[in-house]
Amino acid sequence: MKKIISIFFSTAFLFQSCENKTDKKTDKFVLKKDSISIKKNEIINHSSKEDFKYRLKVEKIDSTQYHSEKEKVKYRQDEIKKITDFQTAKKMLKNIVFFNENDQNGEVQAVLKIRFRNGKEKVYTNDYDYSYFVAYYPTEDILLTEGGHTTDISFNLKNGNETEITGNPDYIETSPSKLFRLNGHFGGQECSSYFIQKKSENEYEKIIQLDEEFEKQTKTWLCIMGDSFWDSDTILFFTLVDSYGKDGKNLGFYKIKIIEK
């Protein structure tokens, strides 16, 4: 999800982003208080037939209720297998993903071409568009790569869907029956984008842009989600924090209910 940054601050921010390489799952990056004024731009909307069947009810709760509910939950999702070794992933993706084997200009592991399993093909001819291998998730058949400013760029190798509706599997939190799941991705600036998916046959479809709905109901920007868990197939709890990693300060506790219209 793209963000609009005022012209006055854009140059300084981009310089800072280049200097501080962000690790979404560690505490290497801290969201500065004065950056909350950055406004969101138009969300790229990939609608599916399920999009208009569901709505969200967002409720802010206190820490006591949050931790009490978490203690009751016994469900833990299965670990999603993740291949981070490039040579192993390259062998698994032979004739599917074609990487740059030339280390000239430091572009080794860049994605040059993808032949998706449904027959679609994507070819990169401009090195400004290159993204670089991060991980392959075989059970999801998702390739995660990284673009400029550590942007998440992902590909569903089954159907050709990309980041906005494929997400980063490291964000996935699945409901007990696996009917719904939380997903998201990092956009290369200060915040992540979060959405809800619903299982349809053997694939997950994006049905709700969570951060957009959250802001509509709370007038608060869902920039960085901290801890999260599902209480049931339709109830998700999570914390809003001010930075990535374990040292993030809690800004609030929330309960999300998915309601079928």
Protein backbone atom coordinates (compact mmCIF):
# COMPACT_ATOMS: atom_id res chain seq x y z
CA MET A 1 0.00 0.00 0.00
CA LYS A 2 1.52 3.22 -1.13
CA LYS A 3 1.83 6.19 1.19
CA ILE A 4 1.89 9.89 0.25
CA ILE A 5 4.71 11.78 1.91
CA SER A 6 4.77 15.55 1.84
CA ILE A 7 7.24 17.00 -0.68
CA PHE A 8 8.98 18.88 2.09
CA PHE A 9 9.94 15.70 3.95
CA SER A 10 10.31 13.19 1.11
CA THR A 11 14.02 13.70 0.37
CA ALA A 12 15.07 13.42 4.00
CA PHE A 13 12.92 10.34 4.55
CA LEU A 14 14.23 8.46 1.53
CA PHE A 15 17.78 9.19 2.62
CA GLN A 16 17.02 7.83 6.06
CA SER A 17 15.40 4.70 4.58
CA CYS A 18 18.54 3.96 2.57
CA GLU A 19 20.74 4.40 5.64
CA ASN A 20 18.64 2.13 7.87
CA LYS A 21 17.94 -1.26 6.33
CA THR A 22 14.76 -2.52 7.94
CA ASP A 23 14.23 -6.00 9.31
CA LYS A 24 10.48 -6.40 9.81
CA LYS A 25 10.87 -9.19 12.37
CA THR A 26 13.57 -7.60 14.55
CA ASP A 27 13.91 -4.38 16.46
CA LYS A 28 16.35 -2.70 14.09
CA PHE A 29 13.84 -0.07 13.02
CA VAL A 30 11.93 2.38 15.23
CA LEU A 31 8.94 4.40 14.07
CA LYS A 32 9.57 8.03 14.94
CA LYS A 33 6.71 9.91 16.56
CA ASP A 34 6.79 12.76 14.06
CA SER A 35 6.30 10.33 11.16
CA ILE A 36 2.72 9.58 12.14
CA SER A 37 1.63 12.58 10.07
CA ILE A 38 2.40 10.71 6.81
CA LYS A 39 -0.86 10.15 4.91
CA LYS A 40 -1.97 7.05 3.06
CA ASN A 41 -2.43 7.00 -0.69
CA GLU A 42 -4.95 5.06 -2.71
CA ILE A 43 -4.88 1.33 -2.00
CA ILE A 44 -4.48 -0.95 -4.99
CA ASN A 45 -7.70 -2.91 -4.86
CA HIS A 46 -7.86 -6.43 -6.21
CA SER A 47 -11.50 -7.33 -5.68
CA SER A 48 -12.81 -10.87 -5.61
CA LYS A 49 -16.33 -12.20 -5.53
CA GLU A 50 -15.96 -12.57 -1.74
CA ASP A 51 -15.11 -8.90 -1.11
CA PHE A 52 -18.65 -7.72 -0.49
CA LYS A 53 -19.81 -10.64 1.64
CA TYR A 54 -18.00 -9.62 4.82
CA ARG A 55 -17.45 -6.61 7.03
CA LEU A 56 -15.44 -5.94 10.16
CA LYS A 57 -16.37 -4.75 13.62
CA VAL A 58 -13.39 -3.16 15.39
CA GLU A 59 -13.38 -2.80 19.17
CA LYS A 60 -10.67 -1.31 21.37
CA ILE A 61 -10.21 -3.30 24.57
CA ASP A 62 -8.00 -3.07 27.64
CA SER A 63 -4.86 -5.09 28.34
CA THR A 64 -6.58 -7.21 30.99
CA GLN A 65 -9.19 -8.49 28.53
CA TYR A 66 -6.57 -9.03 25.85
CA HIS A 67 -4.28 -11.16 28.01
CA SER A 68 -7.20 -13.01 29.57
CA GLU A 69 -8.45 -14.05 26.13
CA LYS A 70 -4.95 -15.02 25.01
CA GLU A 71 -4.48 -17.34 28.00
CA LYS A 72 -7.62 -19.25 27.02
CA VAL A 73 -6.49 -19.95 23.48
CA LYS A 74 -4.98 -23.40 22.91
CA TYR A 75 -4.77 -23.26 19.11
CA ARG A 76 -1.40 -22.68 17.45
CA GLN A 77 -1.08 -22.66 13.69
CA ASP A 78 1.21 -25.08 11.91
CA GLU A 79 4.61 -23.67 11.05
CA ILE A 80 4.89 -22.55 7.44
CA LYS A 81 7.97 -24.16 5.89
CA LYS A 82 10.47 -21.53 4.77
CA ILE A 83 13.49 -22.09 2.51
CA THR A 84 16.05 -19.31 2.87
CA ASP A 85 19.03 -21.08 1.31
CA PHE A 86 19.28 -19.72 -2.23
CA GLN A 87 20.84 -22.78 -3.83
CA THR A 88 18.19 -25.08 -2.34
CA ALA A 89 15.35 -22.82 -3.46
CA LYS A 90 16.85 -22.41 -6.93
CA LYS A 91 16.85 -26.20 -7.42
CA MET A 92 13.26 -26.47 -6.20
CA LEU A 93 12.21 -23.71 -8.60
CA LYS A 94 14.09 -24.95 -11.65
CA ASN A 95 12.30 -23.95 -14.89
CA ILE A 96 9.86 -21.86 -12.82
CA VAL A 97 11.98 -18.95 -11.55
CA PHE A 98 15.06 -17.80 -13.42
CA PHE A 99 17.65 -15.91 -11.39
CA ASN A 100 20.62 -13.82 -12.45
CA GLU A 101 23.72 -16.00 -12.09
CA ASN A 102 26.12 -13.16 -12.89
CA ASP A 103 27.48 -11.44 -9.80
CA GLN A 104 28.61 -8.43 -11.81
CA ASN A 105 27.18 -5.22 -10.32
CA GLY A 106 25.99 -7.22 -7.31
CA GLU A 107 22.85 -8.46 -9.05
CA VAL A 108 23.24 -12.15 -8.26
CA GLN A 109 19.99 -13.72 -6.98
CA ALA A 110 17.92 -11.12 -8.83
CA VAL A 111 14.72 -12.47 -10.42
CA LEU A 112 14.88 -12.24 -14.21
CA LYS A 113 11.86 -14.28 -15.25
CA ILE A 114 9.01 -16.30 -13.76
CA ARG A 115 6.96 -18.96 -15.50
CA PHE A 116 3.91 -19.33 -13.31
CA ARG A 117 2.32 -22.75 -13.03
CA ASN A 118 -0.88 -21.54 -14.74
CA GLY A 119 1.00 -20.52 -17.89
CA LYS A 120 1.49 -16.83 -17.16
CA GLU A 121 4.97 -15.38 -17.58
CA LYS A 122 6.70 -12.33 -16.12
CA VAL A 123 10.00 -11.03 -17.51
CA TYR A 124 12.21 -8.26 -16.09
CA THR A 125 14.36 -6.39 -18.58
CA ASN A 126 15.20 -3.28 -16.55
CA ASP A 127 17.59 -3.66 -13.63
CA TYR A 128 15.72 -0.89 -11.77
CA ASP A 129 12.83 -3.35 -11.45
CA TYR A 130 14.90 -6.20 -10.06
CA SER A 131 14.05 -7.78 -6.76
CA TYR A 132 16.24 -10.23 -4.90
CA PHE A 133 15.63 -13.63 -3.36
CA VAL A 134 14.62 -13.74 0.31
CA ALA A 135 12.75 -17.02 0.78
CA TYR A 136 10.59 -19.68 -0.83
CA TYR A 137 7.58 -21.15 0.99
CA PRO A 138 6.86 -24.52 -0.68
CA THR A 139 3.55 -25.28 1.05
CA GLU A 140 2.21 -21.91 -0.05
CA ASP A 141 4.17 -21.94 -3.34
CA ILE A 142 5.11 -18.30 -2.68
CA LEU A 143 8.40 -16.68 -3.60
CA LEU A 144 9.36 -13.72 -1.41
CA THR A 145 11.87 -11.21 -2.76
CA GLU A 146 13.08 -7.80 -1.68
CA GLY A 147 13.09 -4.58 -3.64
CA GLY A 148 14.43 -1.11 -2.90
CA HIS A 149 14.15 0.16 0.69
CA THR A 150 13.57 -3.49 1.76
CA THR A 151 10.14 -3.56 0.09
CA ASP A 152 8.41 -6.94 0.18
CA ILE A 153 7.76 -8.24 -3.33
CA SER A 154 6.06 -11.62 -3.46
CA PHE A 155 4.73 -13.96 -6.11
CA ASN A 156 2.16 -16.73 -5.87
CA LEU A 157 3.73 -19.18 -8.28
CA LYS A 158 0.45 -21.04 -8.78
CA ASN A 159 -1.59 -18.20 -10.23
CA GLY A 160 0.68 -15.19 -10.83
CA ASN A 161 -0.79 -13.01 -8.07
CA GLU A 162 1.66 -10.52 -6.59
CA THR A 163 2.35 -8.68 -3.35
CA GLU A 164 -0.91 -6.78 -2.75
CA ILE A 165 -2.93 -10.00 -2.62
CA THR A 166 -0.19 -12.58 -1.96
CA GLY A 167 1.45 -10.89 1.01
CA ASN A 168 4.50 -12.01 2.97
CA PRO A 169 3.96 -15.46 4.55
CA ASP A 170 5.86 -14.34 7.65
CA TYR A 171 2.80 -12.21 8.47
CA ILE A 172 0.31 -15.06 8.16
CA GLU A 173 -1.78 -15.92 11.21
CA THR A 174 -4.42 -18.54 10.42
CA SER A 175 -7.76 -19.07 12.20
CA PRO A 176 -8.39 -22.43 13.94
CA SER A 177 -10.23 -24.10 11.04
CA LYS A 178 -8.02 -22.33 8.48
CA LEU A 179 -11.07 -20.58 7.01
CA PHE A 180 -9.62 -17.08 7.44
CA ARG A 181 -6.13 -15.75 7.89
CA LEU A 182 -4.36 -12.49 8.59
CA ASN A 183 -1.71 -11.54 6.03
CA GLY A 184 0.37 -8.49 5.21
CA HIS A 185 3.51 -7.06 3.67
CA PHE A 186 6.03 -4.27 4.19
CA GLY A 187 5.87 -1.42 1.68
CA GLY A 188 9.40 -0.09 2.02
CA GLN A 189 8.69 3.02 4.08
CA GLU A 190 7.54 2.98 7.70
CA CYS A 191 4.38 0.91 7.83
CA SER A 192 3.08 -2.47 6.82
CA SER A 193 -0.17 -3.22 5.01
CA TYR A 194 -2.54 -5.78 6.53
CA PHE A 195 -5.48 -7.70 5.06
CA ILE A 196 -7.79 -10.64 5.67
CA GLN A 197 -7.98 -13.66 3.37
CA LYS A 198 -10.62 -16.38 3.10
CA LYS A 199 -9.98 -19.90 1.92
CA SER A 200 -11.75 -20.73 -1.33
CA GLU A 201 -11.19 -24.27 -2.59
CA ASN A 202 -7.40 -24.69 -2.39
CA GLU A 203 -6.42 -21.00 -2.39
CA TYR A 204 -6.82 -17.94 -0.18
CA GLU A 205 -8.55 -14.86 -1.56
CA LYS A 206 -8.18 -11.35 -0.19
CA ILE A 207 -11.54 -10.17 1.15
CA ILE A 208 -10.86 -7.21 3.44
CA GLN A 209 -8.16 -4.52 3.52
CA LEU A 210 -7.77 -4.57 7.30
CA ASP A 211 -5.77 -1.37 7.80
CA GLU A 212 -8.21 0.64 5.70
CA GLU A 213 -11.27 -0.62 7.62
CA PHE A 214 -9.47 -0.20 10.93
CA GLU A 215 -8.78 3.47 10.22
CA LYS A 216 -12.36 4.11 9.12
CA GLN A 217 -13.73 2.85 12.43
CA THR A 218 -11.08 4.05 14.89
CA LYS A 219 -9.64 7.14 13.16
CA THR A 220 -6.27 5.56 14.00
CA TRP A 221 -3.69 4.48 11.49
CA LEU A 222 -2.81 0.78 11.72
CA CYS A 223 0.89 1.18 10.97
CA ILE A 224 2.60 -1.67 12.80
CA MET A 225 0.82 -4.66 14.28
CA GLY A 226 2.51 -6.37 17.20
CA ASP A 227 1.20 -9.55 18.77
CA SER A 228 -1.87 -11.26 17.27
CA PHE A 229 -3.99 -14.38 17.76
CA TRP A 230 -7.33 -15.84 16.68
CA ASP A 231 -9.88 -16.62 19.39
CA SER A 232 -12.15 -18.36 16.87
CA ASP A 233 -12.62 -18.43 13.10
CA THR A 234 -14.15 -14.97 13.13
CA ILE A 235 -12.47 -13.16 16.04
CA LEU A 236 -8.93 -11.79 15.85
CA PHE A 237 -7.08 -9.99 18.63
CA PHE A 238 -3.98 -7.88 18.09
CA THR A 239 -1.85 -5.07 19.48
CA LEU A 240 -0.88 -1.82 17.81
CA VAL A 241 2.77 -0.90 18.45
CA ASP A 242 5.14 1.93 17.59
CA SER A 243 8.06 -0.10 16.21
CA TYR A 244 8.93 -3.49 14.78
CA GLY A 245 10.40 -6.10 17.07
CA LYS A 246 10.13 -7.06 20.70
CA ASP A 247 10.84 -3.57 22.01
CA GLY A 248 7.80 -1.97 20.37
CA LYS A 249 5.66 0.05 22.76
CA ASN A 250 1.98 -0.94 22.89
CA LEU A 251 -0.33 1.77 21.59
CA GLY A 252 -3.54 -0.19 22.06
CA PHE A 253 -5.29 -3.57 22.23
CA TYR A 254 -7.96 -4.47 19.68
CA LYS A 255 -10.58 -7.08 18.89
CA ILE A 256 -11.70 -7.63 15.30
CA LYS A 257 -14.84 -9.55 14.42
CA ILE A 258 -15.55 -10.74 10.87
CA ILE A 259 -19.24 -10.51 10.12
CA GLU A 260 -20.97 -12.03 7.10
CA LYS A 261 -23.34 -9.50 5.55
